[in-house]
Amino acid sequence: MCRHVAYVGPPLVLGELLIAQPHALYRQSWEPRHQRHGTVNADGFGVGWYAEGDPVPARYRRAVPIWSDLSFGDLARVVRSGALLAAVRDATLAGADGEAAAAPFAAERWLFSHNGAVNGWPQSLAPLAAGLPPAELLSLEARCDSALVWALVLRRLRSGEALGEALAATVREVAEAAPSSRLNLLLTDGTSIAATAWGDSLWFLAEPGERAVVASEPYDDDPRWRQVPEATLLVASRTDVQLTPLKEPSA
């Protein structure tokens, strides 16, 4: 499994959200409080953020534990953004993809992360992979379950589906092909955030008109954090949070 977080709101330095908080993503890499599968997220990390006036996000990703990267603290101390998505990784399977397999994945204006694991990978998703154009398969950043799930989401986004619609449809599609998969997905376009609770913890902190934070678990003990129910789609912006139940594929 993994831990991830997304933020939209007033610009802040990355470290304020990812390092300085008492239970920030940095600490969750070795001491998560709500993780249901696995205990250490040391197989890489990444952060994507949006610079003012540029809709295409920048990324910094490494194949090492976040605590072992001596440069990340400096970067996080000076880079400011009003929207970001970051993750620490616990790999489903050992592999050689390294940095390429670390979230966030990105294309055009979108950033994406998958907290979970596809059951029966890779055989279980072979039929879904066969439905993708060869060029899209050859463009996968890594040979891992998260990269293929991202390709399925991205195809829907490029066809014009909204963030939440793309995530909900992909979760149902993958869950039908690979039952018992854990599919906590997180997606942002720099303005809104969409996420699914499907097999692990998901929380949100909203201040209407100010900011929205969506995370695998709270980074502090603020009583305003709310847990997202299992099998639920969340769509959030700086002004609103909407929760929609997700039905099992057989329902």
C-alpha atoms as a PDB file:
ATOM      1  CA  MET A   1       0.000   0.000   0.000  1.00  0.00           C
ATOM      2  CA  CYS A   2       0.969   3.667   0.088  1.00  0.00           C
ATOM      3  CA  ARG A   3      -0.010   6.979   1.648  1.00  0.00           C
ATOM      4  CA  HIS A   4      -0.975  10.028  -0.374  1.00  0.00           C
ATOM      5  CA  VAL A   5      -2.330  13.565  -0.011  1.00  0.00           C
ATOM      6  CA  ALA A   6      -3.734  16.283  -2.285  1.00  0.00           C
ATOM      7  CA  TYR A   7      -4.296  19.972  -1.538  1.00  0.00           C
ATOM      8  CA  VAL A   8      -5.989  22.948  -3.194  1.00  0.00           C
ATOM      9  CA  GLY A   9      -6.019  26.298  -1.441  1.00  0.00           C
ATOM     10  CA  PRO A  10      -3.916  29.384  -0.742  1.00  0.00           C
ATOM     11  CA  PRO A  11      -0.278  28.964  -1.834  1.00  0.00           C
ATOM     12  CA  LEU A  12       2.007  27.426   0.761  1.00  0.00           C
ATOM     13  CA  VAL A  13       5.492  25.948   0.797  1.00  0.00           C
ATOM     14  CA  LEU A  14       5.441  22.201   0.162  1.00  0.00           C
ATOM     15  CA  GLY A  15       7.175  21.433   3.432  1.00  0.00           C
ATOM     16  CA  GLU A  16       4.409  23.059   5.476  1.00  0.00           C
ATOM     17  CA  LEU A  17       2.038  20.309   4.372  1.00  0.00           C
ATOM     18  CA  LEU A  18       4.385  17.382   3.708  1.00  0.00           C
ATOM     19  CA  ILE A  19       7.027  17.672   6.449  1.00  0.00           C
ATOM     20  CA  ALA A  20       6.168  20.165   9.195  1.00  0.00           C
ATOM     21  CA  GLN A  21       2.852  18.703  10.348  1.00  0.00           C
ATOM     22  CA  PRO A  22       3.112  16.298  13.326  1.00  0.00           C
ATOM     23  CA  HIS A  23       1.843  13.340  11.267  1.00  0.00           C
ATOM     24  CA  ALA A  24       2.785  14.601   7.810  1.00  0.00           C
ATOM     25  CA  LEU A  25       3.343  12.372   4.801  1.00  0.00           C
ATOM     26  CA  TYR A  26       7.050  12.435   5.673  1.00  0.00           C
ATOM     27  CA  ARG A  27       6.354  10.671   8.997  1.00  0.00           C
ATOM     28  CA  GLN A  28       3.721   8.408   7.459  1.00  0.00           C
ATOM     29  CA  SER A  29       6.493   6.856   5.382  1.00  0.00           C
ATOM     30  CA  TRP A  30       7.683   4.971   8.484  1.00  0.00           C
ATOM     31  CA  GLU A  31       4.862   5.456  11.021  1.00  0.00           C
ATOM     32  CA  PRO A  32       1.390   5.533   9.433  1.00  0.00           C
ATOM     33  CA  ARG A  33      -1.508   5.606  11.877  1.00  0.00           C
ATOM     34  CA  HIS A  34      -4.372   4.288   9.738  1.00  0.00           C
ATOM     35  CA  GLN A  35      -2.746   2.087   7.102  1.00  0.00           C
ATOM     36  CA  ARG A  36      -4.518  -1.264   6.825  1.00  0.00           C
ATOM     37  CA  HIS A  37      -1.944  -3.119   4.711  1.00  0.00           C
ATOM     38  CA  GLY A  38       1.809  -2.804   5.237  1.00  0.00           C
ATOM     39  CA  THR A  39       3.660  -0.736   7.803  1.00  0.00           C
ATOM     40  CA  VAL A  40       6.521   1.051   5.998  1.00  0.00           C
ATOM     41  CA  ASN A  41       6.317   3.101   2.787  1.00  0.00           C
ATOM     42  CA  ALA A  42       9.946   3.103   1.724  1.00  0.00           C
ATOM     43  CA  ASP A  43       9.825   2.124  -1.972  1.00  0.00           C
ATOM     44  CA  GLY A  44       9.970   5.667  -3.292  1.00  0.00           C
ATOM     45  CA  PHE A  45       8.047   8.929  -3.091  1.00  0.00           C
ATOM     46  CA  GLY A  46       6.975  11.819  -5.221  1.00  0.00           C
ATOM     47  CA  VAL A  47       5.316  15.214  -5.226  1.00  0.00           C
ATOM     48  CA  GLY A  48       3.663  17.119  -8.045  1.00  0.00           C
ATOM     49  CA  TRP A  49       2.707  20.792  -7.853  1.00  0.00           C
ATOM     50  CA  TYR A  50       1.366  23.640  -9.966  1.00  0.00           C
ATOM     51  CA  ALA A  51       3.245  26.898 -10.474  1.00  0.00           C
ATOM     52  CA  GLU A  52       1.232  30.091 -10.739  1.00  0.00           C
ATOM     53  CA  GLY A  53       0.069  30.656 -14.300  1.00  0.00           C
ATOM     54  CA  ASP A  54       1.144  27.216 -15.547  1.00  0.00           C
ATOM     55  CA  PRO A  55      -1.536  24.513 -15.848  1.00  0.00           C
ATOM     56  CA  VAL A  56       1.035  21.742 -16.401  1.00  0.00           C
ATOM     57  CA  PRO A  57       2.368  20.430 -13.068  1.00  0.00           C
ATOM     58  CA  ALA A  58       5.995  19.858 -12.165  1.00  0.00           C
ATOM     59  CA  ARG A  59       7.119  16.663 -10.419  1.00  0.00           C
ATOM     60  CA  TYR A  60       9.930  15.490  -8.157  1.00  0.00           C
ATOM     61  CA  ARG A  61      10.118  11.696  -7.741  1.00  0.00           C
ATOM     62  CA  ARG A  62      12.683   9.347  -6.278  1.00  0.00           C
ATOM     63  CA  ALA A  63      13.027   5.574  -5.835  1.00  0.00           C
ATOM     64  CA  VAL A  64      14.400   5.968  -2.297  1.00  0.00           C
ATOM     65  CA  PRO A  65      12.569   6.529   1.017  1.00  0.00           C
ATOM     66  CA  ILE A  66      11.579  10.143   1.484  1.00  0.00           C
ATOM     67  CA  TRP A  67      13.637  10.385   4.691  1.00  0.00           C
ATOM     68  CA  SER A  68      16.835   9.424   2.858  1.00  0.00           C
ATOM     69  CA  ASP A  69      16.625  12.169   0.230  1.00  0.00           C
ATOM     70  CA  LEU A  70      18.768  14.982   1.579  1.00  0.00           C
ATOM     71  CA  SER A  71      17.727  17.360  -1.209  1.00  0.00           C
ATOM     72  CA  PHE A  72      13.980  17.128  -0.694  1.00  0.00           C
ATOM     73  CA  GLY A  73      14.014  19.222   2.470  1.00  0.00           C
ATOM     74  CA  ASP A  74      15.552  22.168   0.609  1.00  0.00           C
ATOM     75  CA  LEU A  75      13.127  21.857  -2.287  1.00  0.00           C
ATOM     76  CA  ALA A  76      10.132  21.608   0.059  1.00  0.00           C
ATOM     77  CA  ARG A  77      11.334  24.649   2.017  1.00  0.00           C
ATOM     78  CA  VAL A  78      11.246  27.060  -0.936  1.00  0.00           C
ATOM     79  CA  VAL A  79       8.737  25.767  -3.521  1.00  0.00           C
ATOM     80  CA  ARG A  80       5.268  27.285  -3.102  1.00  0.00           C
ATOM     81  CA  SER A  81       2.033  26.117  -4.676  1.00  0.00           C
ATOM     82  CA  GLY A  82      -1.717  26.418  -4.334  1.00  0.00           C
ATOM     83  CA  ALA A  83      -2.257  22.824  -5.473  1.00  0.00           C
ATOM     84  CA  LEU A  84      -0.250  19.645  -5.019  1.00  0.00           C
ATOM     85  CA  LEU A  85      -0.412  15.866  -4.886  1.00  0.00           C
ATOM     86  CA  ALA A  86       2.203  13.766  -3.094  1.00  0.00           C
ATOM     87  CA  ALA A  87       2.689  10.109  -2.170  1.00  0.00           C
ATOM     88  CA  VAL A  88       5.023   7.699  -0.394  1.00  0.00           C
ATOM     89  CA  ARG A  89       5.156   4.197  -1.859  1.00  0.00           C
ATOM     90  CA  ASP A  90       4.952   0.626  -0.612  1.00  0.00           C
ATOM     91  CA  ALA A  91       5.308  -1.399  -3.823  1.00  0.00           C
ATOM     92  CA  THR A  92       2.806  -4.144  -4.669  1.00  0.00           C
ATOM     93  CA  LEU A  93       5.612  -6.262  -6.168  1.00  0.00           C
ATOM     94  CA  ALA A  94       9.358  -5.822  -6.246  1.00  0.00           C
ATOM     95  CA  GLY A  95      10.470  -4.462  -9.597  1.00  0.00           C
ATOM     96  CA  ALA A  96      13.103  -2.559 -11.492  1.00  0.00           C
ATOM     97  CA  ASP A  97      11.017   0.474 -12.498  1.00  0.00           C
ATOM     98  CA  GLY A  98      12.195   2.536  -9.545  1.00  0.00           C
ATOM     99  CA  GLU A  99      11.455   6.226  -9.865  1.00  0.00           C
ATOM    100  CA  ALA A 100       9.111   5.689 -12.833  1.00  0.00           C
ATOM    101  CA  ALA A 101       6.755   3.687 -10.615  1.00  0.00           C
ATOM    102  CA  ALA A 102       6.531   6.366  -7.913  1.00  0.00           C
ATOM    103  CA  ALA A 103       3.414   8.517  -7.816  1.00  0.00           C
ATOM    104  CA  PRO A 104       2.297  10.974  -8.836  1.00  0.00           C
ATOM    105  CA  PHE A 105       1.809   9.909 -12.421  1.00  0.00           C
ATOM    106  CA  ALA A 106       1.142  12.838 -14.728  1.00  0.00           C
ATOM    107  CA  ALA A 107      -0.203  13.797 -18.125  1.00  0.00           C
ATOM    108  CA  GLU A 108      -1.170  17.231 -19.381  1.00  0.00           C
ATOM    109  CA  ARG A 109      -2.829  19.026 -16.428  1.00  0.00           C
ATOM    110  CA  TRP A 110      -3.511  15.959 -14.278  1.00  0.00           C
ATOM    111  CA  LEU A 111      -1.717  14.291 -11.358  1.00  0.00           C
ATOM    112  CA  PHE A 112      -2.667  10.799 -10.147  1.00  0.00           C
ATOM    113  CA  SER A 113      -1.853   8.372  -7.335  1.00  0.00           C
ATOM    114  CA  HIS A 114      -3.015   4.851  -6.440  1.00  0.00           C
ATOM    115  CA  ASN A 115      -2.987   3.666  -2.826  1.00  0.00           C
ATOM    116  CA  GLY A 116      -3.683  -0.060  -2.994  1.00  0.00           C
ATOM    117  CA  ALA A 117      -2.993  -3.168  -5.039  1.00  0.00           C
ATOM    118  CA  VAL A 118      -4.653  -4.959  -7.941  1.00  0.00           C
ATOM    119  CA  ASN A 119      -5.472  -8.519  -6.946  1.00  0.00           C
ATOM    120  CA  GLY A 120      -3.996 -11.117  -9.285  1.00  0.00           C
ATOM    121  CA  TRP A 121      -1.748  -8.605 -11.035  1.00  0.00           C
ATOM    122  CA  PRO A 122      -0.805  -8.731 -13.874  1.00  0.00           C
ATOM    123  CA  GLN A 123      -2.943 -11.565 -15.248  1.00  0.00           C
ATOM    124  CA  SER A 124      -6.207 -10.194 -13.853  1.00  0.00           C
ATOM    125  CA  LEU A 125      -5.983  -6.959 -15.863  1.00  0.00           C
ATOM    126  CA  ALA A 126      -4.747  -8.506 -19.102  1.00  0.00           C
ATOM    127  CA  PRO A 127      -8.206  -8.171 -20.717  1.00  0.00           C
ATOM    128  CA  LEU A 128      -8.373  -4.466 -19.824  1.00  0.00           C
ATOM    129  CA  ALA A 129      -4.840  -3.891 -21.065  1.00  0.00           C
ATOM    130  CA  ALA A 130      -5.757  -5.574 -24.348  1.00  0.00           C
ATOM    131  CA  GLY A 131      -8.462  -2.966 -24.829  1.00  0.00           C
ATOM    132  CA  LEU A 132      -5.974  -0.090 -24.819  1.00  0.00           C
ATOM    133  CA  PRO A 133      -4.338   1.050 -28.070  1.00  0.00           C
ATOM    134  CA  PRO A 134      -0.771  -0.310 -28.431  1.00  0.00           C
ATOM    135  CA  ALA A 135       0.642   3.219 -28.339  1.00  0.00           C
ATOM    136  CA  GLU A 136      -0.906   3.811 -24.915  1.00  0.00           C
ATOM    137  CA  LEU A 137       0.492   0.557 -23.557  1.00  0.00           C
ATOM    138  CA  LEU A 138       3.944   1.411 -24.891  1.00  0.00           C
ATOM    139  CA  SER A 139       3.679   4.819 -23.216  1.00  0.00           C
ATOM    140  CA  LEU A 140       3.190   3.416 -19.695  1.00  0.00           C
ATOM    141  CA  GLU A 141       5.726   4.957 -17.337  1.00  0.00           C
ATOM    142  CA  ALA A 142       6.230   1.710 -15.403  1.00  0.00           C
ATOM    143  CA  ARG A 143       5.329  -1.983 -15.422  1.00  0.00           C
ATOM    144  CA  CYS A 144       3.202  -1.853 -12.277  1.00  0.00           C
ATOM    145  CA  ASP A 145      -0.487  -2.065 -11.467  1.00  0.00           C
ATOM    146  CA  SER A 146      -0.753   1.639 -10.646  1.00  0.00           C
ATOM    147  CA  ALA A 147       0.602   2.665 -14.050  1.00  0.00           C
ATOM    148  CA  LEU A 148      -2.010   0.589 -15.869  1.00  0.00           C
ATOM    149  CA  VAL A 149      -4.815   1.870 -13.643  1.00  0.00           C
ATOM    150  CA  TRP A 150      -3.606   5.394 -14.474  1.00  0.00           C
ATOM    151  CA  ALA A 151      -3.742   4.586 -18.192  1.00  0.00           C
ATOM    152  CA  LEU A 152      -7.370   3.496 -17.802  1.00  0.00           C
ATOM    153  CA  VAL A 153      -8.236   6.705 -15.914  1.00  0.00           C
ATOM    154  CA  LEU A 154      -6.353   8.872 -18.400  1.00  0.00           C
ATOM    155  CA  ARG A 155      -8.185   7.445 -21.385  1.00  0.00           C
ATOM    156  CA  ARG A 156     -11.472   8.478 -19.786  1.00  0.00           C
ATOM    157  CA  LEU A 157     -10.198  11.944 -18.925  1.00  0.00           C
ATOM    158  CA  ARG A 158      -9.047  12.511 -22.488  1.00  0.00           C
ATOM    159  CA  SER A 159     -12.464  11.453 -23.746  1.00  0.00           C
ATOM    160  CA  GLY A 160     -13.986  14.318 -21.751  1.00  0.00           C
ATOM    161  CA  GLU A 161     -15.123  12.635 -18.526  1.00  0.00           C
ATOM    162  CA  ALA A 162     -14.947  14.687 -15.332  1.00  0.00           C
ATOM    163  CA  LEU A 163     -12.456  13.752 -12.620  1.00  0.00           C
ATOM    164  CA  GLY A 164     -14.964  11.933 -10.441  1.00  0.00           C
ATOM    165  CA  GLU A 165     -16.637  10.124 -13.337  1.00  0.00           C
ATOM    166  CA  ALA A 166     -13.286   8.856 -14.609  1.00  0.00           C
ATOM    167  CA  LEU A 167     -12.265   7.512 -11.194  1.00  0.00           C
ATOM    168  CA  ALA A 168     -15.626   5.900 -10.411  1.00  0.00           C
ATOM    169  CA  ALA A 169     -15.836   4.131 -13.767  1.00  0.00           C
ATOM    170  CA  THR A 170     -12.256   2.893 -13.518  1.00  0.00           C
ATOM    171  CA  VAL A 171     -12.757   1.532 -10.004  1.00  0.00           C
ATOM    172  CA  ARG A 172     -15.811  -0.420 -11.105  1.00  0.00           C
ATOM    173  CA  GLU A 173     -13.997  -1.710 -14.203  1.00  0.00           C
ATOM    174  CA  VAL A 174     -10.903  -2.862 -12.306  1.00  0.00           C
ATOM    175  CA  ALA A 175     -12.885  -4.264  -9.371  1.00  0.00           C
ATOM    176  CA  GLU A 176     -14.944  -6.376 -11.761  1.00  0.00           C
ATOM    177  CA  ALA A 177     -11.843  -7.730 -13.503  1.00  0.00           C
ATOM    178  CA  ALA A 178      -9.892  -8.191 -10.266  1.00  0.00           C
ATOM    179  CA  PRO A 179     -12.221  -8.634  -7.269  1.00  0.00           C
ATOM    180  CA  SER A 180     -10.828  -7.821  -3.813  1.00  0.00           C
ATOM    181  CA  SER A 181      -8.476  -5.210  -5.268  1.00  0.00           C
ATOM    182  CA  ARG A 182      -7.696  -2.164  -3.137  1.00  0.00           C
ATOM    183  CA  LEU A 183      -8.353   0.939  -5.205  1.00  0.00           C
ATOM    184  CA  ASN A 184      -7.933   4.178  -3.288  1.00  0.00           C
ATOM    185  CA  LEU A 185      -7.331   6.525  -6.207  1.00  0.00           C
ATOM    186  CA  LEU A 186      -6.407  10.224  -5.977  1.00  0.00           C
ATOM    187  CA  LEU A 187      -6.565  12.713  -8.864  1.00  0.00           C
ATOM    188  CA  THR A 188      -6.276  16.469  -9.313  1.00  0.00           C
ATOM    189  CA  ASP A 189      -6.219  18.991 -12.138  1.00  0.00           C
ATOM    190  CA  GLY A 190      -4.887  21.784  -9.922  1.00  0.00           C
ATOM    191  CA  THR A 191      -8.374  23.134  -9.203  1.00  0.00           C
ATOM    192  CA  SER A 192     -10.388  20.146  -7.965  1.00  0.00           C
ATOM    193  CA  ILE A 193      -9.575  16.844  -6.276  1.00  0.00           C
ATOM    194  CA  ALA A 194     -11.277  13.480  -6.817  1.00  0.00           C
ATOM    195  CA  ALA A 195     -10.618  10.382  -4.738  1.00  0.00           C
ATOM    196  CA  THR A 196     -12.043   6.957  -3.991  1.00  0.00           C
ATOM    197  CA  ALA A 197     -12.176   5.023  -0.729  1.00  0.00           C
ATOM    198  CA  TRP A 198     -11.998   1.372  -1.781  1.00  0.00           C
ATOM    199  CA  GLY A 199     -10.013  -0.870   0.530  1.00  0.00           C
ATOM    200  CA  ASP A 200      -8.092   1.556   2.732  1.00  0.00           C
ATOM    201  CA  SER A 201      -8.495   4.737   4.746  1.00  0.00           C
ATOM    202  CA  LEU A 202      -9.361   8.134   3.245  1.00  0.00           C
ATOM    203  CA  TRP A 203      -9.964  11.429   5.051  1.00  0.00           C
ATOM    204  CA  PHE A 204     -10.667  15.039   4.128  1.00  0.00           C
ATOM    205  CA  LEU A 205     -10.326  18.451   5.757  1.00  0.00           C
ATOM    206  CA  ALA A 206     -12.362  21.256   4.222  1.00  0.00           C
ATOM    207  CA  GLU A 207     -12.553  24.978   4.928  1.00  0.00           C
ATOM    208  CA  PRO A 208     -15.217  26.275   2.492  1.00  0.00           C
ATOM    209  CA  GLY A 209     -13.894  29.163   0.451  1.00  0.00           C
ATOM    210  CA  GLU A 210     -10.327  28.513   1.602  1.00  0.00           C
ATOM    211  CA  ARG A 211      -8.891  25.040   1.076  1.00  0.00           C
ATOM    212  CA  ALA A 212      -9.536  21.338   0.734  1.00  0.00           C
ATOM    213  CA  VAL A 213      -7.171  18.552   1.738  1.00  0.00           C
ATOM    214  CA  VAL A 214      -7.748  14.883   0.879  1.00  0.00           C
ATOM    215  CA  ALA A 215      -5.405  12.321   2.409  1.00  0.00           C
ATOM    216  CA  SER A 216      -4.968   8.679   3.298  1.00  0.00           C
ATOM    217  CA  GLU A 217      -4.907   9.834   6.902  1.00  0.00           C
ATOM    218  CA  PRO A 218      -4.892  13.113   8.867  1.00  0.00           C
ATOM    219  CA  TYR A 219      -1.558  14.887   9.167  1.00  0.00           C
ATOM    220  CA  ASP A 220      -2.547  16.428  12.501  1.00  0.00           C
ATOM    221  CA  ASP A 221      -5.197  16.095  15.209  1.00  0.00           C
ATOM    222  CA  ASP A 222      -7.510  18.844  13.956  1.00  0.00           C
ATOM    223  CA  PRO A 223     -11.058  17.716  14.944  1.00  0.00           C
ATOM    224  CA  ARG A 224     -12.419  18.932  11.587  1.00  0.00           C
ATOM    225  CA  TRP A 225     -10.958  15.956   9.717  1.00  0.00           C
ATOM    226  CA  ARG A 226     -13.699  13.620   8.459  1.00  0.00           C
ATOM    227  CA  GLN A 227     -13.281   9.998   7.386  1.00  0.00           C
ATOM    228  CA  VAL A 228     -14.695   8.999   4.008  1.00  0.00           C
ATOM    229  CA  PRO A 229     -16.893   5.877   4.173  1.00  0.00           C
ATOM    230  CA  GLU A 230     -15.752   2.736   2.375  1.00  0.00           C
ATOM    231  CA  ALA A 231     -16.878   2.439  -1.274  1.00  0.00           C
ATOM    232  CA  THR A 232     -17.286   6.184  -1.724  1.00  0.00           C
ATOM    233  CA  LEU A 233     -16.280   8.730  -4.358  1.00  0.00           C
ATOM    234  CA  LEU A 234     -15.144  12.142  -3.085  1.00  0.00           C
ATOM    235  CA  VAL A 235     -14.960  15.265  -5.251  1.00  0.00           C
ATOM    236  CA  ALA A 236     -13.636  18.418  -3.587  1.00  0.00           C
ATOM    237  CA  SER A 237     -12.725  21.984  -4.457  1.00  0.00           C
ATOM    238  CA  ARG A 238     -11.969  25.065  -2.391  1.00  0.00           C
ATOM    239  CA  THR A 239     -15.724  25.701  -2.109  1.00  0.00           C
ATOM    240  CA  ASP A 240     -17.396  22.299  -1.845  1.00  0.00           C
ATOM    241  CA  VAL A 241     -17.008  18.599  -0.975  1.00  0.00           C
ATOM    242  CA  GLN A 242     -19.325  15.949  -2.407  1.00  0.00           C
ATOM    243  CA  LEU A 243     -19.498  12.289  -1.339  1.00  0.00           C
ATOM    244  CA  THR A 244     -21.180   9.683  -3.554  1.00  0.00           C
ATOM    245  CA  PRO A 245     -21.549   5.980  -2.737  1.00  0.00           C
ATOM    246  CA  LEU A 246     -19.880   3.588  -5.185  1.00  0.00           C
ATOM    247  CA  LYS A 247     -21.655   0.335  -5.963  1.00  0.00           C
ATOM    248  CA  GLU A 248     -19.881  -2.977  -6.290  1.00  0.00           C
ATOM    249  CA  PRO A 249     -19.650  -4.066  -9.958  1.00  0.00           C
ATOM    250  CA  SER A 250     -22.172  -6.871  -9.394  1.00  0.00           C
ATOM    251  CA  ALA A 251     -24.692  -4.561  -7.692  1.00  0.00           C
END
